[in-house]
Amino acid sequence: MAKIICLMGKSSAGKDTIYKRLLADRELNLQKIVPYTTRPIRDGEREGVEYFYTDEEGFRRLKEQGKVIEDRAYSTCHGLWRYFTVDDAQLGDMGRSRLTIGTLEAYRKLQDYFGRERLLPVLVELEDGLRLQRALTRERLQESPKYEEMCRRFLADSRDFAEEKIEAAGILRRFVNDDLDRCFGEIKEYITEGIS
């Protein structure tokens, strides 16, 4: 049965790397759902690949048209940034399972929109010290590092992925990304069982 696989986890837990490997896996044959954002594009990102980039007016237009399935707004050190999922052509024919990357809050809203049985949650975890080290390494590579925002995200993740929220979302399985190959293998097996 085709499902919407929602890959989530705290920042710098390795979601982007796992996401790319899942999409590249021919056996899984997943189709991606590209989310939208109002935040500025980062070095190395491309329109329509990591996100569809828009502004506040673009978000408002889509919202007024009833196309926004879920959205999250973050008051960052650089202004208000929105991340959201749009009911667009990407969600047309559901003959193939789809893969999206997001937050626990996004997963809950997608459950409300599509129904719990249509979604398959994949929660990636990593020890906080390793996550912080990865985040700092990634931020240093940016042309204009935003360390304050990196720290804000890191602290916000503790609230956003609190144990009671994970439990309320009905997530029973978690994947620790301290060894990428092992973690990817476990996730692939879980998805294969979930969509067959």
N, C-alpha and C. Protein backbone atom coordinates (compact mmCIF):
# COMPACT_ATOMS: atom_id res chain seq x y z
N MET A 1 0.85 -1.19 0.00
CA MET A 1 0.00 0.00 0.00
C MET A 1 0.89 1.25 0.00
N ALA A 2 0.62 2.17 -0.90
CA ALA A 2 1.40 3.41 -0.97
C ALA A 2 1.19 4.22 0.31
N LYS A 3 2.29 4.74 0.84
CA LYS A 3 2.25 5.51 2.09
C LYS A 3 3.01 6.82 1.90
N ILE A 4 2.79 7.73 2.82
CA ILE A 4 3.60 8.92 2.93
C ILE A 4 4.55 8.67 4.09
N ILE A 5 5.82 8.57 3.77
CA ILE A 5 6.85 8.30 4.78
C ILE A 5 7.36 9.65 5.26
N CYS A 6 7.23 9.89 6.54
CA CYS A 6 7.62 11.17 7.12
C CYS A 6 8.92 10.98 7.92
N LEU A 7 10.01 11.46 7.37
CA LEU A 7 11.33 11.38 8.00
C LEU A 7 11.49 12.61 8.88
N MET A 8 11.78 12.38 10.15
CA MET A 8 11.89 13.51 11.08
C MET A 8 12.94 13.24 12.13
N GLY A 9 13.32 14.30 12.81
CA GLY A 9 14.30 14.22 13.87
C GLY A 9 14.85 15.60 14.16
N LYS A 10 15.60 15.70 15.21
CA LYS A 10 16.19 16.98 15.59
C LYS A 10 17.21 17.41 14.54
N SER A 11 17.52 18.70 14.53
CA SER A 11 18.48 19.23 13.56
C SER A 11 19.83 18.54 13.72
N SER A 12 20.48 18.30 12.60
CA SER A 12 21.81 17.68 12.52
C SER A 12 21.85 16.24 13.01
N ALA A 13 20.71 15.56 12.97
CA ALA A 13 20.68 14.13 13.32
C ALA A 13 21.00 13.27 12.10
N GLY A 14 21.13 13.89 10.93
CA GLY A 14 21.46 13.15 9.72
C GLY A 14 20.29 12.90 8.79
N LYS A 15 19.20 13.62 9.00
CA LYS A 15 18.00 13.41 8.18
C LYS A 15 18.25 13.65 6.69
N ASP A 16 18.96 14.73 6.35
CA ASP A 16 19.18 15.05 4.94
C ASP A 16 19.96 13.94 4.23
N THR A 17 20.97 13.41 4.87
CA THR A 17 21.77 12.35 4.28
C THR A 17 20.92 11.09 4.08
N ILE A 18 20.16 10.73 5.09
CA ILE A 18 19.30 9.54 5.00
C ILE A 18 18.22 9.76 3.94
N TYR A 19 17.65 10.95 3.90
CA TYR A 19 16.63 11.31 2.91
C TYR A 19 17.16 11.08 1.49
N LYS A 20 18.36 11.58 1.22
CA LYS A 20 18.94 11.44 -0.13
C LYS A 20 19.20 9.97 -0.45
N ARG A 21 19.65 9.21 0.52
CA ARG A 21 19.92 7.78 0.27
C ARG A 21 18.62 7.01 0.03
N LEU A 22 17.57 7.37 0.77
CA LEU A 22 16.28 6.71 0.56
C LEU A 22 15.74 6.99 -0.84
N LEU A 23 15.85 8.23 -1.27
CA LEU A 23 15.36 8.59 -2.61
C LEU A 23 16.18 7.91 -3.71
N ALA A 24 17.46 7.72 -3.48
CA ALA A 24 18.33 7.10 -4.48
C ALA A 24 18.18 5.58 -4.54
N ASP A 25 17.54 4.99 -3.54
CA ASP A 25 17.41 3.54 -3.47
C ASP A 25 16.35 3.07 -4.47
N ARG A 26 16.79 2.37 -5.51
CA ARG A 26 15.87 1.93 -6.56
C ARG A 26 14.87 0.88 -6.09
N GLU A 27 15.25 0.09 -5.11
CA GLU A 27 14.33 -0.93 -4.60
C GLU A 27 13.13 -0.29 -3.92
N LEU A 28 13.37 0.80 -3.18
CA LEU A 28 12.26 1.47 -2.50
C LEU A 28 11.39 2.26 -3.48
N ASN A 29 12.02 2.85 -4.52
CA ASN A 29 11.29 3.58 -5.55
C ASN A 29 10.36 4.65 -4.97
N LEU A 30 10.89 5.46 -4.07
CA LEU A 30 10.10 6.50 -3.42
C LEU A 30 10.09 7.79 -4.25
N GLN A 31 9.01 8.49 -4.17
CA GLN A 31 8.89 9.80 -4.80
C GLN A 31 8.91 10.85 -3.71
N LYS A 32 9.67 11.93 -3.90
CA LYS A 32 9.79 12.91 -2.83
C LYS A 32 8.67 13.94 -2.87
N ILE A 33 8.37 14.45 -1.69
CA ILE A 33 7.48 15.60 -1.53
C ILE A 33 8.40 16.75 -1.12
N VAL A 34 8.49 17.76 -1.95
CA VAL A 34 9.36 18.90 -1.65
C VAL A 34 8.54 19.91 -0.84
N PRO A 35 9.00 20.23 0.38
CA PRO A 35 8.28 21.23 1.18
C PRO A 35 8.58 22.65 0.69
N TYR A 36 7.85 23.59 1.23
CA TYR A 36 8.02 25.01 0.92
C TYR A 36 8.60 25.73 2.14
N THR A 37 9.29 26.84 1.90
CA THR A 37 9.78 27.66 3.01
C THR A 37 9.88 29.12 2.59
N THR A 38 9.83 29.98 3.59
CA THR A 38 10.06 31.41 3.36
C THR A 38 11.47 31.81 3.80
N ARG A 39 12.26 30.87 4.32
CA ARG A 39 13.61 31.21 4.76
C ARG A 39 14.52 31.37 3.54
N PRO A 40 15.61 32.12 3.71
CA PRO A 40 16.54 32.30 2.58
C PRO A 40 17.19 30.97 2.18
N ILE A 41 17.50 30.87 0.94
CA ILE A 41 18.18 29.68 0.43
C ILE A 41 19.61 29.65 0.98
N ARG A 42 20.08 28.46 1.36
CA ARG A 42 21.44 28.29 1.87
C ARG A 42 22.39 27.96 0.73
N ASP A 43 23.66 28.16 1.00
CA ASP A 43 24.69 27.80 0.02
C ASP A 43 24.52 26.33 -0.35
N GLY A 44 24.52 26.05 -1.64
CA GLY A 44 24.43 24.67 -2.11
C GLY A 44 23.02 24.16 -2.31
N GLU A 45 22.01 24.87 -1.84
CA GLU A 45 20.62 24.43 -2.03
C GLU A 45 20.12 24.91 -3.39
N ARG A 46 19.11 24.19 -3.90
CA ARG A 46 18.53 24.52 -5.20
C ARG A 46 17.02 24.56 -5.12
N GLU A 47 16.42 25.50 -5.80
CA GLU A 47 14.97 25.65 -5.89
C GLU A 47 14.34 24.35 -6.37
N GLY A 48 13.33 23.88 -5.65
CA GLY A 48 12.62 22.68 -6.05
C GLY A 48 13.30 21.38 -5.68
N VAL A 49 14.48 21.46 -5.08
CA VAL A 49 15.19 20.25 -4.68
C VAL A 49 15.06 20.07 -3.17
N GLU A 50 15.67 20.97 -2.39
CA GLU A 50 15.51 20.90 -0.93
C GLU A 50 14.16 21.48 -0.52
N TYR A 51 13.81 22.62 -1.12
CA TYR A 51 12.55 23.33 -0.83
C TYR A 51 12.10 24.07 -2.08
N PHE A 52 10.84 24.48 -2.06
CA PHE A 52 10.36 25.53 -2.94
C PHE A 52 10.44 26.79 -2.09
N TYR A 53 11.17 27.78 -2.56
CA TYR A 53 11.39 29.00 -1.78
C TYR A 53 10.39 30.06 -2.21
N THR A 54 9.76 30.68 -1.22
CA THR A 54 8.79 31.73 -1.50
C THR A 54 8.94 32.80 -0.43
N ASP A 55 8.05 33.76 -0.45
CA ASP A 55 8.06 34.81 0.56
C ASP A 55 6.74 34.78 1.32
N GLU A 56 6.57 35.72 2.24
CA GLU A 56 5.36 35.74 3.07
C GLU A 56 4.11 35.92 2.22
N GLU A 57 4.19 36.72 1.17
CA GLU A 57 3.04 36.92 0.28
C GLU A 57 2.68 35.64 -0.45
N GLY A 58 3.70 34.90 -0.90
CA GLY A 58 3.45 33.62 -1.56
C GLY A 58 2.79 32.63 -0.62
N PHE A 59 3.24 32.60 0.63
CA PHE A 59 2.61 31.74 1.64
C PHE A 59 1.14 32.12 1.83
N ARG A 60 0.88 33.43 1.97
CA ARG A 60 -0.50 33.89 2.18
C ARG A 60 -1.42 33.50 1.02
N ARG A 61 -0.92 33.65 -0.22
CA ARG A 61 -1.72 33.28 -1.39
C ARG A 61 -2.10 31.80 -1.35
N LEU A 62 -1.11 30.93 -1.08
CA LEU A 62 -1.38 29.50 -1.02
C LEU A 62 -2.35 29.16 0.12
N LYS A 63 -2.21 29.84 1.23
CA LYS A 63 -3.10 29.62 2.39
C LYS A 63 -4.53 30.01 2.02
N GLU A 64 -4.70 31.16 1.38
CA GLU A 64 -6.03 31.63 0.97
C GLU A 64 -6.68 30.69 -0.04
N GLN A 65 -5.87 30.04 -0.86
CA GLN A 65 -6.39 29.09 -1.84
C GLN A 65 -6.71 27.73 -1.22
N GLY A 66 -6.44 27.57 0.09
CA GLY A 66 -6.71 26.31 0.78
C GLY A 66 -5.74 25.21 0.43
N LYS A 67 -4.56 25.55 -0.05
CA LYS A 67 -3.59 24.55 -0.49
C LYS A 67 -2.57 24.18 0.59
N VAL A 68 -2.49 24.92 1.68
CA VAL A 68 -1.50 24.64 2.72
C VAL A 68 -2.05 23.55 3.65
N ILE A 69 -1.39 22.40 3.67
CA ILE A 69 -1.81 21.27 4.50
C ILE A 69 -1.37 21.49 5.94
N GLU A 70 -0.13 21.90 6.10
CA GLU A 70 0.42 22.15 7.43
C GLU A 70 1.49 23.21 7.30
N ASP A 71 1.64 23.99 8.38
CA ASP A 71 2.70 24.99 8.37
C ASP A 71 3.21 25.21 9.78
N ARG A 72 4.49 25.60 9.82
CA ARG A 72 5.14 25.93 11.08
C ARG A 72 5.83 27.26 10.90
N ALA A 73 5.73 28.12 11.90
CA ALA A 73 6.38 29.43 11.84
C ALA A 73 7.38 29.53 12.97
N TYR A 74 8.58 29.99 12.65
CA TYR A 74 9.63 30.12 13.64
C TYR A 74 10.12 31.56 13.67
N SER A 75 10.10 32.13 14.85
CA SER A 75 10.65 33.46 15.04
C SER A 75 12.14 33.30 15.25
N THR A 76 12.89 33.47 14.18
CA THR A 76 14.33 33.23 14.23
C THR A 76 15.08 34.52 14.52
N CYS A 77 16.36 34.40 14.65
CA CYS A 77 17.23 35.56 14.86
C CYS A 77 17.27 36.43 13.61
N HIS A 78 16.75 35.93 12.50
CA HIS A 78 16.78 36.65 11.22
C HIS A 78 15.38 36.95 10.70
N GLY A 79 14.39 36.90 11.59
CA GLY A 79 13.01 37.17 11.19
C GLY A 79 12.17 35.91 11.21
N LEU A 80 10.93 36.04 10.76
CA LEU A 80 9.97 34.93 10.73
C LEU A 80 10.26 34.03 9.53
N TRP A 81 10.45 32.75 9.79
CA TRP A 81 10.64 31.76 8.73
C TRP A 81 9.51 30.75 8.83
N ARG A 82 8.90 30.45 7.71
CA ARG A 82 7.84 29.45 7.64
C ARG A 82 8.31 28.23 6.85
N TYR A 83 7.83 27.09 7.27
CA TYR A 83 8.03 25.84 6.55
C TYR A 83 6.64 25.23 6.40
N PHE A 84 6.32 24.72 5.21
CA PHE A 84 4.96 24.21 5.03
C PHE A 84 4.87 23.21 3.89
N THR A 85 3.80 22.41 3.94
CA THR A 85 3.51 21.41 2.92
C THR A 85 2.29 21.88 2.16
N VAL A 86 2.36 21.79 0.85
CA VAL A 86 1.28 22.27 -0.01
C VAL A 86 0.64 21.09 -0.74
N ASP A 87 -0.67 21.11 -0.83
CA ASP A 87 -1.40 20.11 -1.60
C ASP A 87 -1.31 20.55 -3.06
N ASP A 88 -0.25 20.10 -3.74
CA ASP A 88 0.00 20.48 -5.12
C ASP A 88 0.15 19.22 -5.96
N ALA A 89 0.69 19.36 -7.15
CA ALA A 89 0.80 18.24 -8.09
C ALA A 89 1.63 17.08 -7.52
N GLN A 90 2.50 17.36 -6.56
CA GLN A 90 3.32 16.29 -5.96
C GLN A 90 2.48 15.22 -5.28
N LEU A 91 1.30 15.59 -4.83
CA LEU A 91 0.45 14.67 -4.07
C LEU A 91 -0.67 14.09 -4.93
N GLY A 92 -0.51 14.15 -6.24
CA GLY A 92 -1.53 13.63 -7.15
C GLY A 92 -1.72 12.13 -6.99
N ASP A 93 -1.49 11.40 -8.04
CA ASP A 93 -1.65 9.94 -8.06
C ASP A 93 -0.77 9.30 -6.98
N MET A 94 -1.40 8.57 -6.07
CA MET A 94 -0.65 7.93 -4.98
C MET A 94 -0.35 6.47 -5.30
N GLY A 95 0.05 6.19 -6.53
CA GLY A 95 0.44 4.83 -6.89
C GLY A 95 1.78 4.44 -6.29
N ARG A 96 2.61 5.44 -5.98
CA ARG A 96 3.92 5.23 -5.38
C ARG A 96 3.96 5.86 -4.00
N SER A 97 4.73 5.26 -3.12
CA SER A 97 4.90 5.85 -1.80
C SER A 97 5.73 7.12 -1.93
N ARG A 98 5.42 8.08 -1.07
CA ARG A 98 6.09 9.38 -1.09
C ARG A 98 6.96 9.52 0.15
N LEU A 99 8.02 10.34 0.04
CA LEU A 99 8.91 10.62 1.16
C LEU A 99 8.96 12.11 1.39
N THR A 100 8.75 12.50 2.64
CA THR A 100 8.89 13.90 3.02
C THR A 100 9.77 13.98 4.25
N ILE A 101 10.32 15.15 4.46
CA ILE A 101 11.17 15.38 5.61
C ILE A 101 10.57 16.54 6.39
N GLY A 102 10.48 16.41 7.70
CA GLY A 102 9.84 17.47 8.47
C GLY A 102 10.02 17.30 9.96
N THR A 103 9.14 17.94 10.68
CA THR A 103 9.17 17.94 12.14
C THR A 103 8.08 17.03 12.69
N LEU A 104 8.12 16.82 13.98
CA LEU A 104 7.06 16.05 14.64
C LEU A 104 5.72 16.75 14.50
N GLU A 105 5.73 18.07 14.62
CA GLU A 105 4.50 18.86 14.47
C GLU A 105 3.93 18.69 13.06
N ALA A 106 4.80 18.72 12.05
CA ALA A 106 4.35 18.52 10.67
C ALA A 106 3.74 17.13 10.51
N TYR A 107 4.37 16.13 11.09
CA TYR A 107 3.85 14.76 11.02
C TYR A 107 2.44 14.68 11.61
N ARG A 108 2.23 15.32 12.75
CA ARG A 108 0.89 15.30 13.38
C ARG A 108 -0.16 15.94 12.48
N LYS A 109 0.20 17.04 11.84
CA LYS A 109 -0.76 17.73 10.95
C LYS A 109 -1.02 16.91 9.69
N LEU A 110 0.00 16.22 9.19
CA LEU A 110 -0.20 15.34 8.04
C LEU A 110 -1.10 14.16 8.42
N GLN A 111 -0.97 13.67 9.65
CA GLN A 111 -1.87 12.61 10.14
C GLN A 111 -3.31 13.10 10.10
N ASP A 112 -3.53 14.31 10.56
CA ASP A 112 -4.88 14.89 10.57
C ASP A 112 -5.44 15.02 9.16
N TYR A 113 -4.60 15.40 8.22
CA TYR A 113 -5.04 15.65 6.85
C TYR A 113 -5.27 14.36 6.06
N PHE A 114 -4.33 13.42 6.16
CA PHE A 114 -4.40 12.20 5.35
C PHE A 114 -4.93 10.99 6.09
N GLY A 115 -4.91 11.02 7.43
CA GLY A 115 -5.28 9.86 8.23
C GLY A 115 -4.04 9.11 8.65
N ARG A 116 -4.04 8.63 9.87
CA ARG A 116 -2.87 7.96 10.45
C ARG A 116 -2.42 6.75 9.65
N GLU A 117 -3.37 6.03 9.07
CA GLU A 117 -3.03 4.80 8.34
C GLU A 117 -2.26 5.06 7.05
N ARG A 118 -2.32 6.27 6.51
CA ARG A 118 -1.60 6.61 5.27
C ARG A 118 -0.16 7.01 5.51
N LEU A 119 0.22 7.25 6.78
CA LEU A 119 1.56 7.73 7.08
C LEU A 119 2.41 6.67 7.76
N LEU A 120 3.72 6.76 7.49
CA LEU A 120 4.70 5.89 8.13
C LEU A 120 5.79 6.79 8.72
N PRO A 121 5.86 6.87 10.06
CA PRO A 121 6.85 7.76 10.68
C PRO A 121 8.23 7.12 10.77
N VAL A 122 9.27 7.92 10.49
CA VAL A 122 10.65 7.48 10.64
C VAL A 122 11.35 8.56 11.47
N LEU A 123 11.58 8.26 12.74
CA LEU A 123 12.20 9.21 13.67
C LEU A 123 13.67 8.87 13.85
N VAL A 124 14.55 9.79 13.39
CA VAL A 124 16.00 9.62 13.47
C VAL A 124 16.50 10.36 14.70
N GLU A 125 17.34 9.69 15.48
CA GLU A 125 17.87 10.29 16.70
C GLU A 125 19.39 10.20 16.71
N LEU A 126 20.00 11.10 17.49
CA LEU A 126 21.44 11.11 17.68
C LEU A 126 21.72 11.84 18.99
N GLU A 127 22.75 11.39 19.70
CA GLU A 127 23.13 12.00 20.97
C GLU A 127 23.40 13.49 20.75
N ASP A 128 22.94 14.32 21.71
CA ASP A 128 22.99 15.78 21.56
C ASP A 128 24.38 16.33 21.31
N GLY A 129 25.40 15.82 21.94
CA GLY A 129 26.76 16.33 21.73
C GLY A 129 27.22 16.14 20.30
N LEU A 130 26.93 14.99 19.73
CA LEU A 130 27.28 14.72 18.33
C LEU A 130 26.47 15.62 17.39
N ARG A 131 25.20 15.82 17.70
CA ARG A 131 24.37 16.70 16.87
C ARG A 131 24.92 18.12 16.87
N LEU A 132 25.29 18.62 18.04
CA LEU A 132 25.81 19.98 18.14
C LEU A 132 27.11 20.12 17.36
N GLN A 133 27.96 19.10 17.45
CA GLN A 133 29.22 19.12 16.72
C GLN A 133 28.97 19.15 15.21
N ARG A 134 28.03 18.33 14.73
CA ARG A 134 27.68 18.31 13.31
C ARG A 134 27.11 19.66 12.86
N ALA A 135 26.24 20.24 13.69
CA ALA A 135 25.62 21.53 13.35
C ALA A 135 26.68 22.61 13.21
N LEU A 136 27.62 22.63 14.12
CA LEU A 136 28.68 23.63 14.09
C LEU A 136 29.56 23.46 12.84
N THR A 137 29.89 22.23 12.51
CA THR A 137 30.69 21.96 11.31
C THR A 137 29.96 22.44 10.06
N ARG A 138 28.67 22.14 9.96
CA ARG A 138 27.88 22.56 8.80
C ARG A 138 27.79 24.07 8.72
N GLU A 139 27.56 24.72 9.84
CA GLU A 139 27.40 26.17 9.85
C GLU A 139 28.69 26.88 9.46
N ARG A 140 29.83 26.34 9.87
CA ARG A 140 31.12 26.94 9.53
C ARG A 140 31.37 26.95 8.01
N LEU A 141 30.74 26.04 7.29
CA LEU A 141 30.91 25.95 5.84
C LEU A 141 30.10 27.00 5.08
N GLN A 142 29.15 27.65 5.77
CA GLN A 142 28.32 28.67 5.13
C GLN A 142 29.12 29.94 4.88
N GLU A 143 28.80 30.64 3.82
CA GLU A 143 29.48 31.90 3.52
C GLU A 143 29.28 32.91 4.65
N SER A 144 28.07 32.93 5.19
CA SER A 144 27.76 33.81 6.34
C SER A 144 27.16 32.94 7.44
N PRO A 145 27.99 32.35 8.29
CA PRO A 145 27.46 31.47 9.35
C PRO A 145 26.46 32.20 10.26
N LYS A 146 25.42 31.49 10.64
CA LYS A 146 24.37 32.03 11.51
C LYS A 146 24.36 31.20 12.80
N TYR A 147 25.38 31.41 13.62
CA TYR A 147 25.55 30.61 14.84
C TYR A 147 24.42 30.82 15.83
N GLU A 148 23.93 32.03 15.94
CA GLU A 148 22.85 32.30 16.88
C GLU A 148 21.60 31.50 16.51
N GLU A 149 21.29 31.46 15.22
CA GLU A 149 20.14 30.69 14.74
C GLU A 149 20.37 29.20 14.95
N MET A 150 21.59 28.74 14.74
CA MET A 150 21.93 27.33 14.96
C MET A 150 21.63 26.95 16.41
N CYS A 151 22.02 27.81 17.34
CA CYS A 151 21.78 27.54 18.76
C CYS A 151 20.29 27.58 19.10
N ARG A 152 19.56 28.51 18.49
CA ARG A 152 18.12 28.60 18.73
C ARG A 152 17.44 27.31 18.30
N ARG A 153 17.81 26.82 17.10
CA ARG A 153 17.22 25.57 16.59
C ARG A 153 17.55 24.40 17.50
N PHE A 154 18.78 24.33 17.94
CA PHE A 154 19.22 23.24 18.79
C PHE A 154 18.39 23.19 20.08
N LEU A 155 18.17 24.34 20.71
CA LEU A 155 17.39 24.39 21.95
C LEU A 155 15.91 24.13 21.70
N ALA A 156 15.39 24.64 20.59
CA ALA A 156 13.97 24.43 20.26
C ALA A 156 13.66 22.96 20.04
N ASP A 157 14.63 22.21 19.51
CA ASP A 157 14.42 20.78 19.26
C ASP A 157 14.08 20.01 20.54
N SER A 158 14.64 20.42 21.66
CA SER A 158 14.35 19.72 22.93
C SER A 158 12.87 19.81 23.27
N ARG A 159 12.28 20.95 23.00
CA ARG A 159 10.84 21.13 23.24
C ARG A 159 10.02 20.43 22.16
N ASP A 160 10.43 20.61 20.91
CA ASP A 160 9.65 20.09 19.79
C ASP A 160 9.60 18.56 19.76
N PHE A 161 10.67 17.91 20.25
CA PHE A 161 10.73 16.45 20.25
C PHE A 161 10.71 15.90 21.67
N ALA A 162 9.93 16.53 22.54
CA ALA A 162 9.78 16.05 23.92
C ALA A 162 9.16 14.65 23.89
N GLU A 163 9.53 13.84 24.86
CA GLU A 163 9.05 12.46 24.92
C GLU A 163 7.52 12.36 24.87
N GLU A 164 6.83 13.23 25.59
CA GLU A 164 5.37 13.16 25.59
C GLU A 164 4.78 13.47 24.21
N LYS A 165 5.44 14.31 23.42
CA LYS A 165 4.96 14.61 22.07
C LYS A 165 5.20 13.43 21.13
N ILE A 166 6.32 12.77 21.29
CA ILE A 166 6.61 11.58 20.48
C ILE A 166 5.59 10.49 20.78
N GLU A 167 5.31 10.30 22.04
CA GLU A 167 4.32 9.29 22.47
C GLU A 167 2.93 9.64 21.94
N ALA A 168 2.53 10.92 22.05
CA ALA A 168 1.20 11.34 21.58
C ALA A 168 1.04 11.15 20.08
N ALA A 169 2.14 11.22 19.34
CA ALA A 169 2.09 11.03 17.88
C ALA A 169 1.99 9.56 17.51
N GLY A 170 2.14 8.67 18.49
CA GLY A 170 2.02 7.24 18.22
C GLY A 170 3.27 6.64 17.58
N ILE A 171 4.40 7.26 17.77
CA ILE A 171 5.65 6.75 17.19
C ILE A 171 6.24 5.69 18.12
N LEU A 172 6.34 4.48 17.60
CA LEU A 172 6.80 3.37 18.41
C LEU A 172 8.23 2.96 18.09
N ARG A 173 8.72 3.33 16.92
CA ARG A 173 10.05 2.90 16.47
C ARG A 173 10.93 4.11 16.22
N ARG A 174 12.17 4.03 16.67
CA ARG A 174 13.15 5.11 16.48
C ARG A 174 14.42 4.51 15.92
N PHE A 175 15.19 5.37 15.24
CA PHE A 175 16.42 4.91 14.58
C PHE A 175 17.58 5.80 15.02
N VAL A 176 18.58 5.20 15.67
CA VAL A 176 19.72 5.95 16.17
C VAL A 176 20.77 6.01 15.06
N ASN A 177 21.17 7.23 14.67
CA ASN A 177 22.08 7.43 13.56
C ASN A 177 23.52 7.64 14.02
N ASP A 178 24.04 6.71 14.82
CA ASP A 178 25.44 6.80 15.22
C ASP A 178 26.34 5.97 14.29
N ASP A 179 25.72 5.21 13.39
CA ASP A 179 26.41 4.48 12.33
C ASP A 179 25.49 4.56 11.11
N LEU A 180 25.84 5.38 10.15
CA LEU A 180 24.94 5.69 9.04
C LEU A 180 24.51 4.44 8.27
N ASP A 181 25.44 3.55 7.93
CA ASP A 181 25.07 2.38 7.14
C ASP A 181 24.09 1.48 7.89
N ARG A 182 24.36 1.24 9.18
CA ARG A 182 23.46 0.40 9.96
C ARG A 182 22.09 1.07 10.08
N CYS A 183 22.09 2.36 10.39
CA CYS A 183 20.84 3.10 10.56
C CYS A 183 20.02 3.07 9.27
N PHE A 184 20.69 3.34 8.14
CA PHE A 184 19.99 3.32 6.86
C PHE A 184 19.40 1.94 6.58
N GLY A 185 20.15 0.90 6.85
CA GLY A 185 19.66 -0.46 6.63
C GLY A 185 18.41 -0.77 7.45
N GLU A 186 18.41 -0.34 8.71
CA GLU A 186 17.25 -0.55 9.58
C GLU A 186 16.04 0.23 9.07
N ILE A 187 16.26 1.46 8.63
CA ILE A 187 15.17 2.27 8.11
C ILE A 187 14.62 1.67 6.82
N LYS A 188 15.49 1.23 5.94
CA LYS A 188 15.05 0.63 4.68
C LYS A 188 14.19 -0.60 4.94
N GLU A 189 14.63 -1.45 5.85
CA GLU A 189 13.86 -2.65 6.19
C GLU A 189 12.48 -2.28 6.75
N TYR A 190 12.45 -1.29 7.62
CA TYR A 190 11.20 -0.82 8.24
C TYR A 190 10.24 -0.27 7.18
N ILE A 191 10.77 0.51 6.25
CA ILE A 191 9.92 1.08 5.19
C ILE A 191 9.41 -0.03 4.27
N THR A 192 10.28 -0.94 3.91
CA THR A 192 9.89 -2.04 3.02
C THR A 192 8.73 -2.83 3.64
N GLU A 193 8.83 -3.12 4.93
CA GLU A 193 7.74 -3.84 5.61
C GLU A 193 6.49 -2.97 5.68
N GLY A 194 6.65 -1.67 5.89
CA GLY A 194 5.51 -0.77 6.06
C GLY A 194 4.73 -0.49 4.80
N ILE A 195 5.38 -0.61 3.63
CA ILE A 195 4.67 -0.30 2.37
C ILE A 195 4.29 -1.56 1.60
N SER A 196 4.64 -2.74 2.13
CA SER A 196 4.30 -3.97 1.38
C SER A 196 2.97 -4.54 1.84
